[in-house]
Every structure is written in structure tokens, then in C-alpha cells.
Amino acid sequence: AEATLRRDHDNARHFAEGIQELNSPLCSVNLATVETNIVMVSI
């Protein structure tokens, strides 16, 4: 569980960071809220 879930968390964080790097006026992510395997994307 620990290794598997940590990998999931890292992947979610990478995705969220990618959205932030886009700096798009269409979508954003609050990186402070990305703590686990869930990313909420604001549209």
C-alpha cells in the first residue's frame, strides 16, 4: 500500500503541477490542496 499509494500521489502531483505550468486562463489547480491521489481542477 505505501509504495503504491505514494506513487499515485506523486503522479497526481505531477499532473497538478503540469496544469499550473500551463498558466491557462481556462483551468487551474490549487497545489496546496493536492495531498493524495485526487486533483480538483477549476474550470
PDB file of all heavy atoms in Angstrom:
ATOM      1  N   ALA A   1       0.810  -1.224   0.000  1.00  0.00           N
ATOM      2  CA  ALA A   1       0.000   0.000   0.000  1.00  0.00           C
ATOM      3  C   ALA A   1       0.836   1.263   0.000  1.00  0.00           C
ATOM      4  O   ALA A   1       0.587   2.185  -0.787  1.00  0.00           O
ATOM      5  CB  ALA A   1      -0.955  -0.003   1.201  1.00  0.00           C
ATOM      6  N   GLU A   2       1.823   1.336   0.861  1.00  0.00           N
ATOM      7  CA  GLU A   2       2.577   2.585   0.981  1.00  0.00           C
ATOM      8  C   GLU A   2       3.244   2.956  -0.342  1.00  0.00           C
ATOM      9  O   GLU A   2       3.109   4.085  -0.826  1.00  0.00           O
ATOM     10  CB  GLU A   2       3.608   2.516   2.093  1.00  0.00           C
ATOM     11  CG  GLU A   2       4.305   3.856   2.285  1.00  0.00           C
ATOM     12  CD  GLU A   2       5.204   3.898   3.496  1.00  0.00           C
ATOM     13  OE1 GLU A   2       5.237   2.934   4.290  1.00  0.00           O
ATOM     14  OE2 GLU A   2       5.884   4.916   3.647  1.00  0.00           O
ATOM     15  N   ALA A   3       3.952   2.025  -0.952  1.00  0.00           N
ATOM     16  CA  ALA A   3       4.649   2.320  -2.209  1.00  0.00           C
ATOM     17  C   ALA A   3       3.663   2.621  -3.325  1.00  0.00           C
ATOM     18  O   ALA A   3       3.853   3.570  -4.103  1.00  0.00           O
ATOM     19  CB  ALA A   3       5.542   1.149  -2.599  1.00  0.00           C
ATOM     20  N   THR A   4       2.606   1.830  -3.420  1.00  0.00           N
ATOM     21  CA  THR A   4       1.609   2.024  -4.472  1.00  0.00           C
ATOM     22  C   THR A   4       0.910   3.367  -4.336  1.00  0.00           C
ATOM     23  O   THR A   4       0.795   4.124  -5.310  1.00  0.00           O
ATOM     24  CB  THR A   4       0.558   0.891  -4.425  1.00  0.00           C
ATOM     25  OG1 THR A   4       1.230  -0.357  -4.623  1.00  0.00           O
ATOM     26  CG2 THR A   4      -0.497   1.069  -5.485  1.00  0.00           C
ATOM     27  N   LEU A   5       0.446   3.673  -3.137  1.00  0.00           N
ATOM     28  CA  LEU A   5      -0.291   4.922  -2.941  1.00  0.00           C
ATOM     29  C   LEU A   5       0.628   6.130  -3.056  1.00  0.00           C
ATOM     30  O   LEU A   5       0.230   7.169  -3.596  1.00  0.00           O
ATOM     31  CB  LEU A   5      -1.011   4.901  -1.597  1.00  0.00           C
ATOM     32  CG  LEU A   5      -2.079   3.800  -1.469  1.00  0.00           C
ATOM     33  CD1 LEU A   5      -2.694   3.821  -0.083  1.00  0.00           C
ATOM     34  CD2 LEU A   5      -3.128   3.913  -2.549  1.00  0.00           C
ATOM     35  N   ARG A   6       1.853   6.021  -2.604  1.00  0.00           N
ATOM     36  CA  ARG A   6       2.802   7.134  -2.746  1.00  0.00           C
ATOM     37  C   ARG A   6       3.039   7.425  -4.233  1.00  0.00           C
ATOM     38  O   ARG A   6       3.119   8.579  -4.656  1.00  0.00           O
ATOM     39  CB  ARG A   6       4.105   6.827  -2.027  1.00  0.00           C
ATOM     40  CG  ARG A   6       4.969   8.070  -1.857  1.00  0.00           C
ATOM     41  CD  ARG A   6       6.081   7.896  -0.845  1.00  0.00           C
ATOM     42  NE  ARG A   6       5.698   7.420   0.461  1.00  0.00           N
ATOM     43  CZ  ARG A   6       5.111   8.140   1.409  1.00  0.00           C
ATOM     44  NH1 ARG A   6       4.794   9.395   1.170  1.00  0.00           N
ATOM     45  NH2 ARG A   6       4.825   7.614   2.579  1.00  0.00           N
ATOM     46  N   ARG A   7       3.144   6.377  -5.039  1.00  0.00           N
ATOM     47  CA  ARG A   7       3.302   6.562  -6.489  1.00  0.00           C
ATOM     48  C   ARG A   7       2.078   7.264  -7.072  1.00  0.00           C
ATOM     49  O   ARG A   7       2.201   8.182  -7.883  1.00  0.00           O
ATOM     50  CB  ARG A   7       3.531   5.217  -7.172  1.00  0.00           C
ATOM     51  CG  ARG A   7       3.853   5.356  -8.659  1.00  0.00           C
ATOM     52  CD  ARG A   7       3.840   4.034  -9.392  1.00  0.00           C
ATOM     53  NE  ARG A   7       2.470   3.560  -9.431  1.00  0.00           N
ATOM     54  CZ  ARG A   7       2.082   2.338  -9.122  1.00  0.00           C
ATOM     55  NH1 ARG A   7       2.938   1.436  -8.746  1.00  0.00           N
ATOM     56  NH2 ARG A   7       0.807   1.990  -9.200  1.00  0.00           N
ATOM     57  N   ASP A   8       0.887   6.858  -6.630  1.00  0.00           N
ATOM     58  CA  ASP A   8      -0.336   7.522  -7.095  1.00  0.00           C
ATOM     59  C   ASP A   8      -0.330   8.997  -6.711  1.00  0.00           C
ATOM     60  O   ASP A   8      -0.706   9.864  -7.511  1.00  0.00           O
ATOM     61  CB  ASP A   8      -1.577   6.851  -6.497  1.00  0.00           C
ATOM     62  CG  ASP A   8      -1.794   5.437  -6.996  1.00  0.00           C
ATOM     63  OD1 ASP A   8      -1.188   5.059  -8.018  1.00  0.00           O
ATOM     64  OD2 ASP A   8      -2.577   4.714  -6.355  1.00  0.00           O
ATOM     65  N   HIS A   9       0.097   9.310  -5.492  1.00  0.00           N
ATOM     66  CA  HIS A   9       0.153  10.697  -5.023  1.00  0.00           C
ATOM     67  C   HIS A   9       1.157  11.500  -5.859  1.00  0.00           C
ATOM     68  O   HIS A   9       0.877  12.645  -6.231  1.00  0.00           O
ATOM     69  CB  HIS A   9       0.554  10.758  -3.554  1.00  0.00           C
ATOM     70  CG  HIS A   9      -0.439  10.099  -2.646  1.00  0.00           C
ATOM     71  ND1 HIS A   9      -0.276  10.087  -1.279  1.00  0.00           N
ATOM     72  CD2 HIS A   9      -1.591   9.424  -2.885  1.00  0.00           C
ATOM     73  CE1 HIS A   9      -1.283   9.439  -0.721  1.00  0.00           C
ATOM     74  NE2 HIS A   9      -2.092   9.023  -1.690  1.00  0.00           N
ATOM     75  N   ASP A  10       2.312  10.897  -6.150  1.00  0.00           N
ATOM     76  CA  ASP A  10       3.326  11.579  -6.963  1.00  0.00           C
ATOM     77  C   ASP A  10       2.798  11.863  -8.367  1.00  0.00           C
ATOM     78  O   ASP A  10       3.033  12.947  -8.914  1.00  0.00           O
ATOM     79  CB  ASP A  10       4.609  10.752  -7.037  1.00  0.00           C
ATOM     80  CG  ASP A  10       5.348  10.674  -5.707  1.00  0.00           C
ATOM     81  OD1 ASP A  10       5.046  11.482  -4.792  1.00  0.00           O
ATOM     82  OD2 ASP A  10       6.225   9.794  -5.578  1.00  0.00           O
ATOM     83  N   ASN A  11       2.096  10.904  -8.948  1.00  0.00           N
ATOM     84  CA  ASN A  11       1.529  11.107 -10.287  1.00  0.00           C
ATOM     85  C   ASN A  11       0.479  12.210 -10.273  1.00  0.00           C
ATOM     86  O   ASN A  11       0.451  13.059 -11.173  1.00  0.00           O
ATOM     87  CB  ASN A  11       0.925   9.805 -10.824  1.00  0.00           C
ATOM     88  CG  ASN A  11       1.994   8.829 -11.276  1.00  0.00           C
ATOM     89  OD1 ASN A  11       3.100   9.213 -11.632  1.00  0.00           O
ATOM     90  ND2 ASN A  11       1.658   7.551 -11.254  1.00  0.00           N
ATOM     91  N   ALA A  12      -0.362  12.220  -9.269  1.00  0.00           N
ATOM     92  CA  ALA A  12      -1.388  13.262  -9.165  1.00  0.00           C
ATOM     93  C   ALA A  12      -0.722  14.626  -9.023  1.00  0.00           C
ATOM     94  O   ALA A  12      -1.142  15.606  -9.656  1.00  0.00           O
ATOM     95  CB  ALA A  12      -2.306  12.985  -7.975  1.00  0.00           C
ATOM     96  N   ARG A  13       0.307  14.705  -8.209  1.00  0.00           N
ATOM     97  CA  ARG A  13       1.024  15.966  -8.010  1.00  0.00           C
ATOM     98  C   ARG A  13       1.664  16.439  -9.315  1.00  0.00           C
ATOM     99  O   ARG A  13       1.636  17.621  -9.647  1.00  0.00           O
ATOM    100  CB  ARG A  13       2.086  15.762  -6.917  1.00  0.00           C
ATOM    101  CG  ARG A  13       2.855  16.984  -6.583  1.00  0.00           C
ATOM    102  CD  ARG A  13       2.048  17.819  -5.663  1.00  0.00           C
ATOM    103  NE  ARG A  13       2.752  19.032  -5.327  1.00  0.00           N
ATOM    104  CZ  ARG A  13       2.252  19.946  -4.549  1.00  0.00           C
ATOM    105  NH1 ARG A  13       1.074  19.763  -3.999  1.00  0.00           N
ATOM    106  NH2 ARG A  13       2.897  21.032  -4.302  1.00  0.00           N
ATOM    107  N   HIS A  14       2.249  15.513 -10.060  1.00  0.00           N
ATOM    108  CA  HIS A  14       2.874  15.850 -11.344  1.00  0.00           C
ATOM    109  C   HIS A  14       1.832  16.418 -12.317  1.00  0.00           C
ATOM    110  O   HIS A  14       2.096  17.404 -13.006  1.00  0.00           O
ATOM    111  CB  HIS A  14       3.559  14.611 -11.932  1.00  0.00           C
ATOM    112  CG  HIS A  14       4.217  14.849 -13.239  1.00  0.00           C
ATOM    113  ND1 HIS A  14       5.343  15.638 -13.389  1.00  0.00           N
ATOM    114  CD2 HIS A  14       3.903  14.416 -14.482  1.00  0.00           C
ATOM    115  CE1 HIS A  14       5.681  15.673 -14.660  1.00  0.00           C
ATOM    116  NE2 HIS A  14       4.825  14.937 -15.346  1.00  0.00           N
ATOM    117  N   PHE A  15       0.680  15.808 -12.356  1.00  0.00           N
ATOM    118  CA  PHE A  15      -0.412  16.290 -13.219  1.00  0.00           C
ATOM    119  C   PHE A  15      -0.831  17.700 -12.797  1.00  0.00           C
ATOM    120  O   PHE A  15      -0.969  18.599 -13.628  1.00  0.00           O
ATOM    121  CB  PHE A  15      -1.600  15.326 -13.128  1.00  0.00           C
ATOM    122  CG  PHE A  15      -2.770  15.696 -13.995  1.00  0.00           C
ATOM    123  CD1 PHE A  15      -2.733  15.478 -15.360  1.00  0.00           C
ATOM    124  CD2 PHE A  15      -3.916  16.252 -13.441  1.00  0.00           C
ATOM    125  CE1 PHE A  15      -3.823  15.803 -16.167  1.00  0.00           C
ATOM    126  CE2 PHE A  15      -5.002  16.577 -14.231  1.00  0.00           C
ATOM    127  CZ  PHE A  15      -4.951  16.353 -15.599  1.00  0.00           C
ATOM    128  N   ALA A  16      -1.003  17.903 -11.502  1.00  0.00           N
ATOM    129  CA  ALA A  16      -1.417  19.216 -10.995  1.00  0.00           C
ATOM    130  C   ALA A  16      -0.365  20.280 -11.297  1.00  0.00           C
ATOM    131  O   ALA A  16      -0.702  21.404 -11.697  1.00  0.00           O
ATOM    132  CB  ALA A  16      -1.678  19.129  -9.490  1.00  0.00           C
ATOM    133  N   GLU A  17       0.900  19.934 -11.126  1.00  0.00           N
ATOM    134  CA  GLU A  17       1.967  20.880 -11.430  1.00  0.00           C
ATOM    135  C   GLU A  17       1.977  21.222 -12.915  1.00  0.00           C
ATOM    136  O   GLU A  17       2.238  22.364 -13.302  1.00  0.00           O
ATOM    137  CB  GLU A  17       3.314  20.319 -10.995  1.00  0.00           C
ATOM    138  CG  GLU A  17       3.478  20.292  -9.488  1.00  0.00           C
ATOM    139  CD  GLU A  17       4.677  19.497  -9.008  1.00  0.00           C
ATOM    140  OE1 GLU A  17       5.296  18.754  -9.824  1.00  0.00           O
ATOM    141  OE2 GLU A  17       4.999  19.595  -7.812  1.00  0.00           O
ATOM    142  N   GLY A  18       1.668  20.240 -13.753  1.00  0.00           N
ATOM    143  CA  GLY A  18       1.578  20.486 -15.193  1.00  0.00           C
ATOM    144  C   GLY A  18       0.478  21.468 -15.534  1.00  0.00           C
ATOM    145  O   GLY A  18       0.643  22.331 -16.405  1.00  0.00           O
ATOM    146  N   ILE A  19      -0.643  21.356 -14.845  1.00  0.00           N
ATOM    147  CA  ILE A  19      -1.742  22.302 -15.069  1.00  0.00           C
ATOM    148  C   ILE A  19      -1.312  23.700 -14.638  1.00  0.00           C
ATOM    149  O   ILE A  19      -1.566  24.686 -15.337  1.00  0.00           O
ATOM    150  CB  ILE A  19      -3.017  21.854 -14.324  1.00  0.00           C
ATOM    151  CG1 ILE A  19      -3.547  20.569 -14.938  1.00  0.00           C
ATOM    152  CG2 ILE A  19      -4.078  22.954 -14.371  1.00  0.00           C
ATOM    153  CD1 ILE A  19      -4.685  19.936 -14.173  1.00  0.00           C
ATOM    154  N   GLN A  20      -0.646  23.786 -13.502  1.00  0.00           N
ATOM    155  CA  GLN A  20      -0.196  25.095 -13.030  1.00  0.00           C
ATOM    156  C   GLN A  20       0.812  25.702 -14.011  1.00  0.00           C
ATOM    157  O   GLN A  20       0.760  26.892 -14.298  1.00  0.00           O
ATOM    158  CB  GLN A  20       0.411  24.990 -11.638  1.00  0.00           C
ATOM    159  CG  GLN A  20       0.756  26.341 -11.052  1.00  0.00           C
ATOM    160  CD  GLN A  20       1.175  26.261  -9.605  1.00  0.00           C
ATOM    161  OE1 GLN A  20       1.538  25.206  -9.114  1.00  0.00           O
ATOM    162  NE2 GLN A  20       1.121  27.369  -8.925  1.00  0.00           N
ATOM    163  N   GLU A  21       1.708  24.891 -14.555  1.00  0.00           N
ATOM    164  CA  GLU A  21       2.700  25.371 -15.517  1.00  0.00           C
ATOM    165  C   GLU A  21       2.059  25.857 -16.805  1.00  0.00           C
ATOM    166  O   GLU A  21       2.611  26.717 -17.485  1.00  0.00           O
ATOM    167  CB  GLU A  21       3.720  24.270 -15.819  1.00  0.00           C
ATOM    168  CG  GLU A  21       4.658  23.985 -14.670  1.00  0.00           C
ATOM    169  CD  GLU A  21       5.467  22.712 -14.869  1.00  0.00           C
ATOM    170  OE1 GLU A  21       5.456  22.149 -15.991  1.00  0.00           O
ATOM    171  OE2 GLU A  21       6.098  22.276 -13.891  1.00  0.00           O
ATOM    172  N   LEU A  22       0.897  25.300 -17.146  1.00  0.00           N
ATOM    173  CA  LEU A  22       0.183  25.766 -18.344  1.00  0.00           C
ATOM    174  C   LEU A  22      -0.155  27.251 -18.243  1.00  0.00           C
ATOM    175  O   LEU A  22      -0.203  27.939 -19.254  1.00  0.00           O
ATOM    176  CB  LEU A  22      -1.130  24.988 -18.521  1.00  0.00           C
ATOM    177  CG  LEU A  22      -1.109  23.647 -19.188  1.00  0.00           C
ATOM    178  CD1 LEU A  22      -2.495  23.040 -19.204  1.00  0.00           C
ATOM    179  CD2 LEU A  22      -0.550  23.736 -20.584  1.00  0.00           C
ATOM    180  N   ASN A  23      -0.427  27.688 -17.025  1.00  0.00           N
ATOM    181  CA  ASN A  23      -0.824  29.073 -16.782  1.00  0.00           C
ATOM    182  C   ASN A  23      -1.961  29.470 -17.728  1.00  0.00           C
ATOM    183  O   ASN A  23      -1.957  30.545 -18.321  1.00  0.00           O
ATOM    184  CB  ASN A  23       0.382  30.007 -16.929  1.00  0.00           C
ATOM    185  CG  ASN A  23       0.167  31.310 -16.221  1.00  0.00           C
ATOM    186  OD1 ASN A  23      -0.637  31.405 -15.302  1.00  0.00           O
ATOM    187  ND2 ASN A  23       0.871  32.335 -16.660  1.00  0.00           N
ATOM    188  N   SER A  24      -2.915  28.580 -17.873  1.00  0.00           N
ATOM    189  CA  SER A  24      -4.032  28.775 -18.792  1.00  0.00           C
ATOM    190  C   SER A  24      -5.141  29.595 -18.140  1.00  0.00           C
ATOM    191  O   SER A  24      -5.432  29.405 -16.958  1.00  0.00           O
ATOM    192  CB  SER A  24      -4.598  27.407 -19.209  1.00  0.00           C
ATOM    193  OG  SER A  24      -5.788  27.556 -19.943  1.00  0.00           O
ATOM    194  N   PRO A  25      -5.761  30.459 -18.911  1.00  0.00           N
ATOM    195  CA  PRO A  25      -6.916  31.178 -18.364  1.00  0.00           C
ATOM    196  C   PRO A  25      -8.152  30.281 -18.252  1.00  0.00           C
ATOM    197  O   PRO A  25      -9.161  30.689 -17.696  1.00  0.00           O
ATOM    198  CB  PRO A  25      -7.139  32.300 -19.390  1.00  0.00           C
ATOM    199  CG  PRO A  25      -6.582  31.756 -20.660  1.00  0.00           C
ATOM    200  CD  PRO A  25      -5.427  30.873 -20.274  1.00  0.00           C
ATOM    201  N   LEU A  26      -8.052  29.055 -18.752  1.00  0.00           N
ATOM    202  CA  LEU A  26      -9.197  28.154 -18.787  1.00  0.00           C
ATOM    203  C   LEU A  26      -9.284  27.207 -17.597  1.00  0.00           C
ATOM    204  O   LEU A  26     -10.370  26.780 -17.221  1.00  0.00           O
ATOM    205  CB  LEU A  26      -9.169  27.326 -20.075  1.00  0.00           C
ATOM    206  CG  LEU A  26      -9.148  28.140 -21.369  1.00  0.00           C
ATOM    207  CD1 LEU A  26      -8.976  27.216 -22.553  1.00  0.00           C
ATOM    208  CD2 LEU A  26     -10.407  28.965 -21.498  1.00  0.00           C
ATOM    209  N   CYS A  27      -8.132  26.847 -17.015  1.00  0.00           N
ATOM    210  CA  CYS A  27      -8.170  25.895 -15.903  1.00  0.00           C
ATOM    211  C   CYS A  27      -7.009  26.157 -14.958  1.00  0.00           C
ATOM    212  O   CYS A  27      -5.978  26.685 -15.361  1.00  0.00           O
ATOM    213  CB  CYS A  27      -8.154  24.457 -16.406  1.00  0.00           C
ATOM    214  SG  CYS A  27      -6.746  24.035 -17.426  1.00  0.00           S
ATOM    215  N   SER A  28      -7.214  25.775 -13.710  1.00  0.00           N
ATOM    216  CA  SER A  28      -6.172  25.961 -12.698  1.00  0.00           C
ATOM    217  C   SER A  28      -6.323  24.922 -11.599  1.00  0.00           C
ATOM    218  O   SER A  28      -7.358  24.260 -11.489  1.00  0.00           O
ATOM    219  CB  SER A  28      -6.246  27.370 -12.108  1.00  0.00           C
ATOM    220  OG  SER A  28      -7.466  27.524 -11.402  1.00  0.00           O
ATOM    221  N   VAL A  29      -5.281  24.814 -10.797  1.00  0.00           N
ATOM    222  CA  VAL A  29      -5.251  23.886  -9.665  1.00  0.00           C
ATOM    223  C   VAL A  29      -4.639  24.621  -8.476  1.00  0.00           C
ATOM    224  O   VAL A  29      -3.666  25.349  -8.630  1.00  0.00           O
ATOM    225  CB  VAL A  29      -4.401  22.641  -9.992  1.00  0.00           C
ATOM    226  CG1 VAL A  29      -4.172  21.800  -8.762  1.00  0.00           C
ATOM    227  CG2 VAL A  29      -5.044  21.818 -11.073  1.00  0.00           C
ATOM    228  N   ASN A  30      -5.211  24.399  -7.317  1.00  0.00           N
ATOM    229  CA  ASN A  30      -4.620  24.900  -6.080  1.00  0.00           C
ATOM    230  C   ASN A  30      -3.698  23.791  -5.570  1.00  0.00           C
ATOM    231  O   ASN A  30      -4.166  22.804  -4.996  1.00  0.00           O
ATOM    232  CB  ASN A  30      -5.714  25.233  -5.063  1.00  0.00           C
ATOM    233  CG  ASN A  30      -5.158  25.724  -3.753  1.00  0.00           C
ATOM    234  OD1 ASN A  30      -3.955  25.693  -3.518  1.00  0.00           O
ATOM    235  ND2 ASN A  30      -6.048  26.167  -2.879  1.00  0.00           N
ATOM    236  N   LEU A  31      -2.403  23.944  -5.801  1.00  0.00           N
ATOM    237  CA  LEU A  31      -1.452  22.889  -5.429  1.00  0.00           C
ATOM    238  C   LEU A  31      -1.473  22.562  -3.939  1.00  0.00           C
ATOM    239  O   LEU A  31      -1.189  21.432  -3.553  1.00  0.00           O
ATOM    240  CB  LEU A  31      -0.028  23.273  -5.842  1.00  0.00           C
ATOM    241  CG  LEU A  31       0.282  23.146  -7.332  1.00  0.00           C
ATOM    242  CD1 LEU A  31       1.710  23.592  -7.608  1.00  0.00           C
ATOM    243  CD2 LEU A  31       0.073  21.724  -7.818  1.00  0.00           C
ATOM    244  N   ALA A  32      -1.835  23.515  -3.109  1.00  0.00           N
ATOM    245  CA  ALA A  32      -1.887  23.276  -1.662  1.00  0.00           C
ATOM    246  C   ALA A  32      -2.929  22.223  -1.303  1.00  0.00           C
ATOM    247  O   ALA A  32      -2.841  21.596  -0.242  1.00  0.00           O
ATOM    248  CB  ALA A  32      -2.169  24.574  -0.919  1.00  0.00           C
ATOM    249  N   THR A  33      -3.914  22.005  -2.163  1.00  0.00           N
ATOM    250  CA  THR A  33      -4.970  21.027  -1.871  1.00  0.00           C
ATOM    251  C   THR A  33      -4.670  19.643  -2.435  1.00  0.00           C
ATOM    252  O   THR A  33      -5.435  18.711  -2.209  1.00  0.00           O
ATOM    253  CB  THR A  33      -6.327  21.508  -2.422  1.00  0.00           C
ATOM    254  OG1 THR A  33      -6.264  21.564  -3.854  1.00  0.00           O
ATOM    255  CG2 THR A  33      -6.709  22.873  -1.863  1.00  0.00           C
ATOM    256  N   VAL A  34      -3.580  19.500  -3.170  1.00  0.00           N
ATOM    257  CA  VAL A  34      -3.233  18.199  -3.764  1.00  0.00           C
ATOM    258  C   VAL A  34      -2.360  17.454  -2.764  1.00  0.00           C
ATOM    259  O   VAL A  34      -1.143  17.606  -2.738  1.00  0.00           O
ATOM    260  CB  VAL A  34      -2.519  18.371  -5.119  1.00  0.00           C
ATOM    261  CG1 VAL A  34      -2.194  17.007  -5.725  1.00  0.00           C
ATOM    262  CG2 VAL A  34      -3.379  19.183  -6.074  1.00  0.00           C
ATOM    263  N   GLU A  35      -3.009  16.656  -1.930  1.00  0.00           N
ATOM    264  CA  GLU A  35      -2.298  15.934  -0.873  1.00  0.00           C
ATOM    265  C   GLU A  35      -2.250  14.431  -1.117  1.00  0.00           C
ATOM    266  O   GLU A  35      -1.391  13.750  -0.568  1.00  0.00           O
ATOM    267  CB  GLU A  35      -2.979  16.193   0.468  1.00  0.00           C
ATOM    268  CG  GLU A  35      -2.968  17.649   0.871  1.00  0.00           C
ATOM    269  CD  GLU A  35      -3.704  17.877   2.164  1.00  0.00           C
ATOM    270  OE1 GLU A  35      -4.954  17.766   2.165  1.00  0.00           O
ATOM    271  OE2 GLU A  35      -3.022  18.150   3.164  1.00  0.00           O
ATOM    272  N   THR A  36      -3.179  13.923  -1.886  1.00  0.00           N
ATOM    273  CA  THR A  36      -3.249  12.476  -2.109  1.00  0.00           C
ATOM    274  C   THR A  36      -3.327  12.206  -3.609  1.00  0.00           C
ATOM    275  O   THR A  36      -2.616  12.821  -4.386  1.00  0.00           O
ATOM    276  CB  THR A  36      -4.461  11.868  -1.380  1.00  0.00           C
ATOM    277  OG1 THR A  36      -5.666  12.422  -1.922  1.00  0.00           O
ATOM    278  CG2 THR A  36      -4.402  12.106   0.123  1.00  0.00           C
ATOM    279  N   ASN A  37      -4.180  11.284  -3.997  1.00  0.00           N
ATOM    280  CA  ASN A  37      -4.322  10.863  -5.387  1.00  0.00           C
ATOM    281  C   ASN A  37      -5.460  11.590  -6.106  1.00  0.00           C
ATOM    282  O   ASN A  37      -5.848  11.190  -7.194  1.00  0.00           O
ATOM    283  CB  ASN A  37      -4.561   9.360  -5.446  1.00  0.00           C
ATOM    284  CG  ASN A  37      -5.853   8.946  -4.766  1.00  0.00           C
ATOM    285  OD1 ASN A  37      -6.259   9.525  -3.758  1.00  0.00           O
ATOM    286  ND2 ASN A  37      -6.510   7.940  -5.315  1.00  0.00           N
ATOM    287  N   ILE A  38      -5.977  12.652  -5.515  1.00  0.00           N
ATOM    288  CA  ILE A  38      -7.107  13.379  -6.095  1.00  0.00           C
ATOM    289  C   ILE A  38      -6.681  14.793  -6.461  1.00  0.00           C
ATOM    290  O   ILE A  38      -6.063  15.489  -5.653  1.00  0.00           O
ATOM    291  CB  ILE A  38      -8.292  13.422  -5.109  1.00  0.00           C
ATOM    292  CG1 ILE A  38      -8.768  12.001  -4.804  1.00  0.00           C
ATOM    293  CG2 ILE A  38      -9.429  14.273  -5.667  1.00  0.00           C
ATOM    294  CD1 ILE A  38      -9.828  11.919  -3.718  1.00  0.00           C
ATOM    295  N   VAL A  39      -7.028  15.199  -7.681  1.00  0.00           N
ATOM    296  CA  VAL A  39      -6.759  16.564  -8.149  1.00  0.00           C
ATOM    297  C   VAL A  39      -8.083  17.173  -8.583  1.00  0.00           C
ATOM    298  O   VAL A  39      -8.780  16.612  -9.432  1.00  0.00           O
ATOM    299  CB  VAL A  39      -5.765  16.578  -9.330  1.00  0.00           C
ATOM    300  CG1 VAL A  39      -5.563  18.000  -9.862  1.00  0.00           C
ATOM    301  CG2 VAL A  39      -4.438  15.949  -8.934  1.00  0.00           C
ATOM    302  N   MET A  40      -8.407  18.311  -7.981  1.00  0.00           N
ATOM    303  CA  MET A  40      -9.606  19.060  -8.361  1.00  0.00           C
ATOM    304  C   MET A  40      -9.154  20.204  -9.265  1.00  0.00           C
ATOM    305  O   MET A  40      -8.355  21.052  -8.853  1.00  0.00           O
ATOM    306  CB  MET A  40     -10.320  19.595  -7.123  1.00  0.00           C
ATOM    307  CG  MET A  40     -10.712  18.513  -6.124  1.00  0.00           C
ATOM    308  SD  MET A  40     -11.782  17.231  -6.783  1.00  0.00           S
ATOM    309  CE  MET A  40     -13.359  18.028  -6.668  1.00  0.00           C
ATOM    310  N   VAL A  41      -9.662  20.208 -10.493  1.00  0.00           N
ATOM    311  CA  VAL A  41      -9.271  21.206 -11.487  1.00  0.00           C
ATOM    312  C   VAL A  41     -10.391  22.227 -11.607  1.00  0.00           C
ATOM    313  O   VAL A  41     -11.531  21.869 -11.915  1.00  0.00           O
ATOM    314  CB  VAL A  41      -9.009  20.555 -12.862  1.00  0.00           C
ATOM    315  CG1 VAL A  41      -8.556  21.593 -13.879  1.00  0.00           C
ATOM    316  CG2 VAL A  41      -7.990  19.419 -12.736  1.00  0.00           C
ATOM    317  N   SER A  42     -10.070  23.486 -11.369  1.00  0.00           N
ATOM    318  CA  SER A  42     -11.055  24.569 -11.501  1.00  0.00           C
ATOM    319  C   SER A  42     -11.140  24.983 -12.964  1.00  0.00           C
ATOM    320  O   SER A  42     -10.118  25.184 -13.616  1.00  0.00           O
ATOM    321  CB  SER A  42     -10.640  25.780 -10.659  1.00  0.00           C
ATOM    322  OG  SER A  42     -10.627  25.436  -9.298  1.00  0.00           O
ATOM    323  N   ILE A  43     -12.369  25.102 -13.439  1.00  0.00           N
ATOM    324  CA  ILE A  43     -12.621  25.452 -14.828  1.00  0.00           C
ATOM    325  C   ILE A  43     -13.166  26.874 -14.886  1.00  0.00           C
ATOM    326  O   ILE A  43     -14.106  27.206 -14.175  1.00  0.00           O
ATOM    327  CB  ILE A  43     -13.653  24.479 -15.459  1.00  0.00           C
ATOM    328  CG1 ILE A  43     -13.216  23.027 -15.262  1.00  0.00           C
ATOM    329  CG2 ILE A  43     -13.894  24.806 -16.918  1.00  0.00           C
ATOM    330  CD1 ILE A  43     -11.876  22.690 -15.840  1.00  0.00           C
TER     331      ILE A  43
END
